[in-house]
Amino acid sequence: MQILITNDDGYTSKGLEALIKMAEGLGEITVVAPQHPQSAMSNAVSFGKLLRMKTVQNPHNSTRNDIRHHYCSGTPTDCIKIALNILFKERKPDFILSGINHGFNGSTAVVYSGTLAATREGVLNNIPSIAFSLNDHHPDADFSASIHYGRQILEKFIESPPNSYTYVNVNFPKGSIEEIKGIRFCRFGMGSWIKEIETRRDPYGHPYYWMVGEYKNLEPNAPDCDQNLLADNYVTVVPHKIDNTNYPELERMKNMWKDLTQ
């Protein structure tokens, strides 16, 4: 079994090291991760830009020498594209894993996330794909609980993959194995980013703008959505689909706007 692993925090990140450890023994592992952090790049691709992929030797000082490590100069989506077209030209990987991201990737963050973008690219190529994120931005975060619960989820994912064009998003709460209450399947929770741009002045007095942002939970009392279950110390598992057509709204518009098609 062939497993392709990527992330958006870069090929030297501790989260990537944890994901490799989580997947060890489940198949042959190939890593193609960004050379530099590529957070919030969503599905950006490097059209018109030179791309490089380089083999690197054991960036995490692992005792394993059977894992192929590469970095790509582009985005997470670039990593998947270059891996499938160069390294897996003859045979696609059986599974794609992305993460473990340093930071929350639920709710509307999935729209911007490079971690989730890699899984979307995977299922567009009909490869079962799953993303993992830890709700802790610290570069030296503790991933022991993520590995513990993630291994359970990953084994089930491999045993019974989701339907075609469906990718799976997993978020771990910050804390120890004992502090986490368990695993919950749930839905995407609505939220928004407010106060996103801060105006600052450079040393010459000229204005410039810095992306900051404050997250607002739009469903604070909903017990069945990812952001609230995560805050309650549950691991959350959300299946997402590529087809995001709003079918009830489609039927409503057909009826209310029917004069446009007559």
Protein backbone atom coordinates (compact mmCIF):
# COMPACT_ATOMS: atom_id res chain seq x y z
CA MET A 1 0.00 0.00 0.00
CA GLN A 2 1.31 3.43 -1.00
CA ILE A 3 0.70 6.46 1.21
CA LEU A 4 1.46 10.04 0.11
CA ILE A 5 1.87 12.61 2.90
CA THR A 6 1.97 16.41 2.68
CA ASN A 7 1.13 19.49 4.77
CA ASP A 8 1.10 23.28 4.59
CA ASP A 9 3.50 24.11 7.44
CA GLY A 10 6.60 22.95 5.57
CA TYR A 11 8.68 19.80 5.37
CA THR A 12 10.50 20.36 8.68
CA SER A 13 7.40 20.95 10.84
CA LYS A 14 6.79 18.93 13.98
CA GLY A 15 3.22 18.23 12.86
CA LEU A 16 4.45 16.52 9.71
CA GLU A 17 6.81 14.40 11.79
CA ALA A 18 3.85 13.39 13.98
CA LEU A 19 1.74 12.42 10.96
CA ILE A 20 4.53 10.24 9.62
CA LYS A 21 4.76 8.54 13.01
CA MET A 22 0.98 8.05 13.02
CA ALA A 23 1.11 6.33 9.62
CA GLU A 24 4.18 4.17 10.22
CA GLY A 25 3.60 0.49 9.51
CA LEU A 26 0.44 1.04 7.46
CA GLY A 27 2.18 1.16 4.09
CA GLU A 28 5.07 2.59 2.09
CA ILE A 29 5.32 6.29 2.87
CA THR A 30 6.34 9.05 0.47
CA VAL A 31 6.47 12.65 1.70
CA VAL A 32 6.19 15.66 -0.61
CA ALA A 33 5.74 18.79 1.49
CA PRO A 34 6.27 22.51 0.87
CA GLN A 35 9.79 23.88 1.20
CA HIS A 36 8.43 26.84 3.19
CA PRO A 37 5.19 27.37 5.20
CA GLN A 38 2.16 27.78 2.94
CA SER A 39 -0.69 28.34 5.38
CA ALA A 40 -3.95 29.86 4.09
CA MET A 41 -3.02 29.20 0.47
CA SER A 42 -6.19 27.18 -0.15
CA ASN A 43 -5.99 25.50 -3.59
CA ALA A 44 -3.52 27.99 -5.07
CA VAL A 45 -1.34 26.56 -7.83
CA SER A 46 1.87 28.00 -9.23
CA PHE A 47 0.84 28.73 -12.82
CA GLY A 48 3.60 30.54 -14.68
CA LYS A 49 6.12 29.92 -11.92
CA LEU A 50 9.09 27.60 -11.84
CA LEU A 51 8.60 24.61 -9.54
CA ARG A 52 11.34 22.51 -7.98
CA MET A 53 11.17 19.23 -6.11
CA LYS A 54 14.18 18.07 -4.14
CA THR A 55 14.90 14.84 -2.27
CA VAL A 56 15.94 15.48 1.33
CA GLN A 57 17.58 13.11 3.77
CA ASN A 58 15.72 12.41 7.00
CA PRO A 59 14.71 15.99 7.97
CA HIS A 60 13.24 14.82 11.30
CA ASN A 61 16.21 12.66 12.36
CA SER A 62 14.03 9.55 12.28
CA THR A 63 15.46 6.07 12.76
CA ARG A 64 13.45 4.98 9.72
CA ASN A 65 15.35 4.97 6.44
CA ASP A 66 12.58 3.53 4.24
CA ILE A 67 10.57 6.77 3.94
CA ARG A 68 11.12 8.92 0.87
CA HIS A 69 11.26 12.62 1.77
CA HIS A 70 10.93 15.45 -0.76
CA TYR A 71 10.16 19.11 -0.62
CA CYS A 72 8.44 21.15 -3.30
CA SER A 73 8.97 24.88 -3.80
CA GLY A 74 5.24 25.48 -4.28
CA THR A 75 1.91 25.19 -2.46
CA PRO A 76 0.27 22.10 -0.92
CA THR A 77 -1.77 21.64 -4.11
CA ASP A 78 1.45 21.89 -6.12
CA CYS A 79 2.93 19.18 -3.88
CA ILE A 80 0.11 16.77 -4.74
CA LYS A 81 0.21 17.61 -8.43
CA ILE A 82 3.97 17.18 -8.77
CA ALA A 83 3.90 13.96 -6.72
CA LEU A 84 1.17 12.40 -8.85
CA ASN A 85 2.75 13.45 -12.14
CA ILE A 86 6.39 12.67 -11.32
CA LEU A 87 6.70 10.19 -8.45
CA PHE A 88 3.44 8.31 -8.99
CA LYS A 89 3.24 8.52 -12.75
CA GLU A 90 2.72 4.79 -13.22
CA ARG A 91 0.53 4.07 -10.18
CA LYS A 92 -1.39 6.44 -7.94
CA PRO A 93 -0.95 6.29 -4.18
CA ASP A 94 -3.70 4.44 -2.35
CA PHE A 95 -4.20 7.23 0.21
CA ILE A 96 -3.24 10.87 0.76
CA LEU A 97 -2.72 12.27 4.26
CA SER A 98 -2.28 15.97 5.02
CA GLY A 99 -1.10 17.62 8.27
CA ILE A 100 -0.84 17.55 11.15
CA ASN A 101 -1.54 21.26 10.88
CA HIS A 102 -0.44 23.62 13.65
CA GLY A 103 -3.79 25.29 14.33
CA PHE A 104 -7.56 24.83 14.01
CA ASN A 105 -8.88 23.91 10.57
CA GLY A 106 -12.61 23.59 11.15
CA SER A 107 -15.58 25.81 10.39
CA THR A 108 -14.90 28.36 7.65
CA ALA A 109 -11.13 27.89 7.99
CA VAL A 110 -11.53 24.95 5.61
CA VAL A 111 -12.08 27.45 2.78
CA TYR A 112 -8.63 28.98 3.25
CA SER A 113 -6.67 25.99 4.52
CA GLY A 114 -3.73 24.64 2.54
CA THR A 115 -3.98 21.46 4.61
CA LEU A 116 -7.52 20.81 3.36
CA ALA A 117 -6.60 21.92 -0.17
CA ALA A 118 -4.23 18.97 -0.48
CA THR A 119 -7.07 16.57 0.33
CA ARG A 120 -9.38 18.26 -2.17
CA GLU A 121 -6.72 17.81 -4.83
CA GLY A 122 -6.42 14.19 -3.78
CA VAL A 123 -10.11 13.34 -4.14
CA LEU A 124 -10.27 15.21 -7.46
CA ASN A 125 -7.86 12.48 -8.57
CA ASN A 126 -10.13 9.85 -6.98
CA ILE A 127 -7.67 9.09 -4.15
CA PRO A 128 -9.12 8.77 -0.62
CA SER A 129 -7.74 11.74 1.32
CA ILE A 130 -7.81 12.87 4.94
CA ALA A 131 -6.54 15.98 6.76
CA PHE A 132 -5.46 16.31 10.40
CA SER A 133 -5.09 19.50 12.46
CA LEU A 134 -4.27 20.26 16.09
CA ASN A 135 -5.83 23.29 17.77
CA ASP A 136 -2.43 24.60 18.87
CA HIS A 137 -0.36 27.06 16.83
CA HIS A 138 2.83 26.59 18.83
CA PRO A 139 5.65 25.24 16.62
CA ASP A 140 6.68 22.88 19.45
CA ALA A 141 3.14 21.68 20.22
CA ASP A 142 2.55 18.32 21.90
CA PHE A 143 1.20 15.89 19.28
CA SER A 144 1.10 12.75 21.44
CA ALA A 145 -2.71 12.78 21.84
CA SER A 146 -3.12 13.55 18.13
CA ILE A 147 -1.05 10.50 17.23
CA HIS A 148 -2.99 8.33 19.69
CA TYR A 149 -6.46 9.25 18.41
CA GLY A 150 -5.34 9.87 14.84
CA ARG A 151 -4.03 6.33 14.48
CA GLN A 152 -7.46 4.95 15.42
CA ILE A 153 -9.16 7.19 12.85
CA LEU A 154 -6.57 6.45 10.18
CA GLU A 155 -6.94 2.68 10.55
CA LYS A 156 -10.72 2.98 10.09
CA PHE A 157 -10.22 5.36 7.16
CA ILE A 158 -8.00 2.83 5.39
CA GLU A 159 -10.29 -0.08 6.25
CA SER A 160 -13.42 1.72 5.00
CA PRO A 161 -12.62 4.79 2.84
CA PRO A 162 -15.28 7.44 2.20
CA ASN A 163 -17.22 7.67 -1.03
CA SER A 164 -15.67 9.20 -4.14
CA TYR A 165 -15.13 12.98 -4.11
CA THR A 166 -15.41 13.08 -0.32
CA TYR A 167 -12.49 14.19 1.84
CA VAL A 168 -12.29 13.90 5.61
CA ASN A 169 -11.32 16.68 8.01
CA VAL A 170 -10.09 15.79 11.53
CA ASN A 171 -9.37 18.32 14.28
CA PHE A 172 -7.72 17.49 17.61
CA PRO A 173 -8.17 19.62 20.73
CA LYS A 174 -5.12 20.77 22.62
CA GLY A 175 -4.40 18.59 25.64
CA SER A 176 -3.27 15.19 26.84
CA ILE A 177 -4.77 11.81 25.96
CA GLU A 178 -6.53 11.77 29.34
CA GLU A 179 -8.01 15.26 28.85
CA ILE A 180 -9.63 14.43 25.50
CA LYS A 181 -13.17 13.05 25.91
CA GLY A 182 -13.30 11.01 22.71
CA ILE A 183 -14.10 11.18 18.99
CA ARG A 184 -17.25 12.69 17.48
CA PHE A 185 -18.57 12.73 13.91
CA CYS A 186 -20.16 16.08 13.26
CA ARG A 187 -20.91 18.82 10.78
CA PHE A 188 -19.20 22.00 9.61
CA GLY A 189 -19.97 24.90 11.95
CA MET A 190 -20.56 28.43 10.68
CA GLY A 191 -18.22 31.25 11.68
CA SER A 192 -16.68 34.38 10.20
CA TRP A 193 -13.57 36.48 10.45
CA ILE A 194 -14.03 40.05 11.62
CA LYS A 195 -11.61 42.99 12.10
CA GLU A 196 -9.37 41.34 9.53
CA ILE A 197 -7.17 44.26 8.44
CA GLU A 198 -5.06 46.43 10.73
CA THR A 199 -3.61 49.73 9.45
CA ARG A 200 -0.02 50.39 10.48
CA ARG A 201 2.74 52.86 9.61
CA ASP A 202 6.19 52.07 8.30
CA PRO A 203 9.29 53.98 9.60
CA TYR A 204 8.69 56.65 6.94
CA GLY A 205 5.12 57.27 8.05
CA HIS A 206 3.50 55.56 5.07
CA PRO A 207 0.47 53.35 5.76
CA TYR A 208 0.52 49.61 5.22
CA TYR A 209 -1.97 46.92 6.09
CA TRP A 210 -1.49 43.77 8.17
CA MET A 211 -3.77 40.75 8.09
CA VAL A 212 -4.89 39.95 11.65
CA GLY A 213 -8.49 38.86 12.14
CA GLU A 214 -10.72 37.83 14.98
CA TYR A 215 -12.83 34.70 14.66
CA LYS A 216 -16.55 34.89 15.51
CA ASN A 217 -18.51 31.72 16.20
CA LEU A 218 -21.92 32.15 14.54
CA GLU A 219 -23.37 29.01 16.17
CA PRO A 220 -22.18 29.20 19.78
CA ASN A 221 -25.02 27.05 21.11
CA ALA A 222 -25.08 24.32 18.46
CA PRO A 223 -24.05 21.00 20.04
CA ASP A 224 -23.41 19.16 16.76
CA CYS A 225 -20.81 21.30 14.96
CA ASP A 226 -17.05 20.97 14.87
CA GLN A 227 -15.96 24.19 16.55
CA ASN A 228 -18.11 23.62 19.64
CA LEU A 229 -17.28 19.93 20.06
CA LEU A 230 -13.59 20.76 19.71
CA ALA A 231 -13.93 23.43 22.40
CA ASP A 232 -15.52 20.75 24.59
CA ASN A 233 -12.38 18.59 24.18
CA TYR A 234 -13.63 16.15 21.55
CA VAL A 235 -11.76 15.08 18.42
CA THR A 236 -13.98 16.09 15.49
CA VAL A 237 -14.41 14.24 12.19
CA VAL A 238 -16.22 16.01 9.34
CA PRO A 239 -16.71 14.58 5.83
CA HIS A 240 -16.67 17.24 3.10
CA LYS A 241 -17.62 16.87 -0.55
CA ILE A 242 -16.32 18.45 -3.73
CA ASP A 243 -19.83 19.04 -5.10
CA ASN A 244 -20.98 22.02 -3.04
CA THR A 245 -24.13 22.69 -5.06
CA ASN A 246 -26.99 23.88 -2.86
CA TYR A 247 -29.67 21.57 -4.29
CA PRO A 248 -32.70 22.94 -2.37
CA GLU A 249 -31.72 26.46 -3.43
CA LEU A 250 -31.26 25.26 -7.01
CA GLU A 251 -34.87 24.04 -7.09
CA ARG A 252 -36.11 27.26 -5.46
CA MET A 253 -34.29 29.41 -8.02
CA LYS A 254 -35.62 27.31 -10.90
CA ASN A 255 -39.12 28.14 -9.69
CA MET A 256 -38.64 31.78 -8.66
CA TRP A 257 -36.48 32.75 -11.64
CA LYS A 258 -38.19 30.55 -14.21
CA ASP A 259 -38.84 33.47 -16.58
CA LEU A 260 -35.10 33.55 -17.30
CA THR A 261 -35.25 30.16 -18.99
CA GLN A 262 -38.45 30.60 -20.99
